Amino acid sequence: MPAPFPKVVGNGVLGKIIMAVNGFFVRLWGFRGLFSYQIYVRAQAHPTVPNLLEQTISSSEKLREEIKLQAV
């Protein structure tokens, strides 16, 4: 995956030239790591409002059932 040179210099002639030069060097075996990069994303989902409501209702129902069983 090439570096995002067009985002830095634009999609004009300069950006296309830099991308072509970068692509050439990426294809060379010895420079594969020098002129390319990889992205690693570690993500964690945050709870949504519907998810939180569902969990609250579910735990509330379980708590009510436990209280009913203790009263008997």
Protein backbone atom coordinates (compact mmCIF):
# COMPACT_ATOMS: atom_id res chain seq x y z
CA MET A 1 0.00 0.00 0.00
CA PRO A 2 1.64 3.25 -1.03
CA ALA A 3 1.96 6.28 1.19
CA PRO A 4 -0.83 8.86 0.70
CA PHE A 5 1.28 11.37 -1.20
CA PRO A 6 -1.69 12.81 -3.13
CA LYS A 7 -3.29 13.76 0.20
CA VAL A 8 -0.16 15.78 1.01
CA VAL A 9 0.72 17.34 -2.34
CA GLY A 10 -2.62 17.03 -4.15
CA ASN A 11 -3.80 14.97 -7.11
CA GLY A 12 -1.97 17.11 -9.66
CA VAL A 13 1.10 16.33 -11.70
CA LEU A 14 3.44 16.36 -8.69
CA GLY A 15 1.28 13.89 -6.78
CA LYS A 16 1.12 11.53 -9.78
CA ILE A 17 4.89 11.71 -10.31
CA ILE A 18 5.60 10.98 -6.67
CA MET A 19 3.14 8.05 -6.72
CA ALA A 20 4.80 6.63 -9.85
CA VAL A 21 8.29 6.91 -8.32
CA ASN A 22 7.03 5.42 -5.07
CA GLY A 23 5.38 2.53 -6.96
CA PHE A 24 8.63 1.84 -8.82
CA PHE A 25 10.65 1.63 -5.60
CA VAL A 26 8.01 -0.49 -3.85
CA ARG A 27 8.29 -3.05 -6.66
CA LEU A 28 12.04 -3.34 -6.14
CA TRP A 29 12.74 -6.20 -3.76
CA GLY A 30 15.33 -4.39 -1.62
CA PHE A 31 13.23 -1.29 -0.97
CA ARG A 32 9.88 -2.89 -0.18
CA GLY A 33 9.91 -1.87 3.49
CA LEU A 34 11.48 1.53 2.93
CA PHE A 35 8.92 2.97 0.50
CA SER A 36 5.74 1.33 1.76
CA TYR A 37 3.88 1.09 5.02
CA GLN A 38 1.12 -0.88 6.70
CA ILE A 39 -1.64 0.22 9.02
CA TYR A 40 -2.60 -1.68 12.15
CA VAL A 41 -5.81 -0.63 13.88
CA ARG A 42 -6.84 -1.89 17.27
CA ALA A 43 -10.41 -0.86 17.89
CA GLN A 44 -12.82 -1.34 20.73
CA ALA A 45 -16.54 -0.85 20.27
CA HIS A 46 -18.29 1.49 22.66
CA PRO A 47 -21.79 0.57 23.79
CA THR A 48 -24.65 2.24 21.98
CA VAL A 49 -27.74 3.65 23.67
CA PRO A 50 -30.02 0.82 22.43
CA ASN A 51 -27.47 -1.73 23.62
CA LEU A 52 -27.26 -0.11 27.07
CA LEU A 53 -31.06 0.01 27.34
CA GLU A 54 -31.34 -3.66 26.38
CA GLN A 55 -28.74 -4.65 28.99
CA THR A 56 -30.46 -2.56 31.66
CA ILE A 57 -33.89 -4.04 30.95
CA SER A 58 -32.47 -7.58 30.88
CA SER A 59 -30.61 -7.21 34.17
CA SER A 60 -33.64 -5.53 35.73
CA GLU A 61 -35.86 -8.47 34.78
CA LYS A 62 -33.33 -10.94 36.21
CA LEU A 63 -33.15 -8.96 39.45
CA ARG A 64 -36.96 -8.96 39.76
CA GLU A 65 -37.05 -12.74 39.28
CA GLU A 66 -34.38 -13.23 41.95
CA ILE A 67 -36.33 -11.07 44.41
CA LYS A 68 -39.52 -13.05 43.72
CA LEU A 69 -37.68 -16.34 44.33
CA GLN A 70 -36.24 -15.06 47.63
CA ALA A 71 -39.67 -13.94 48.82
CA VAL A 72 -41.17 -17.41 48.32
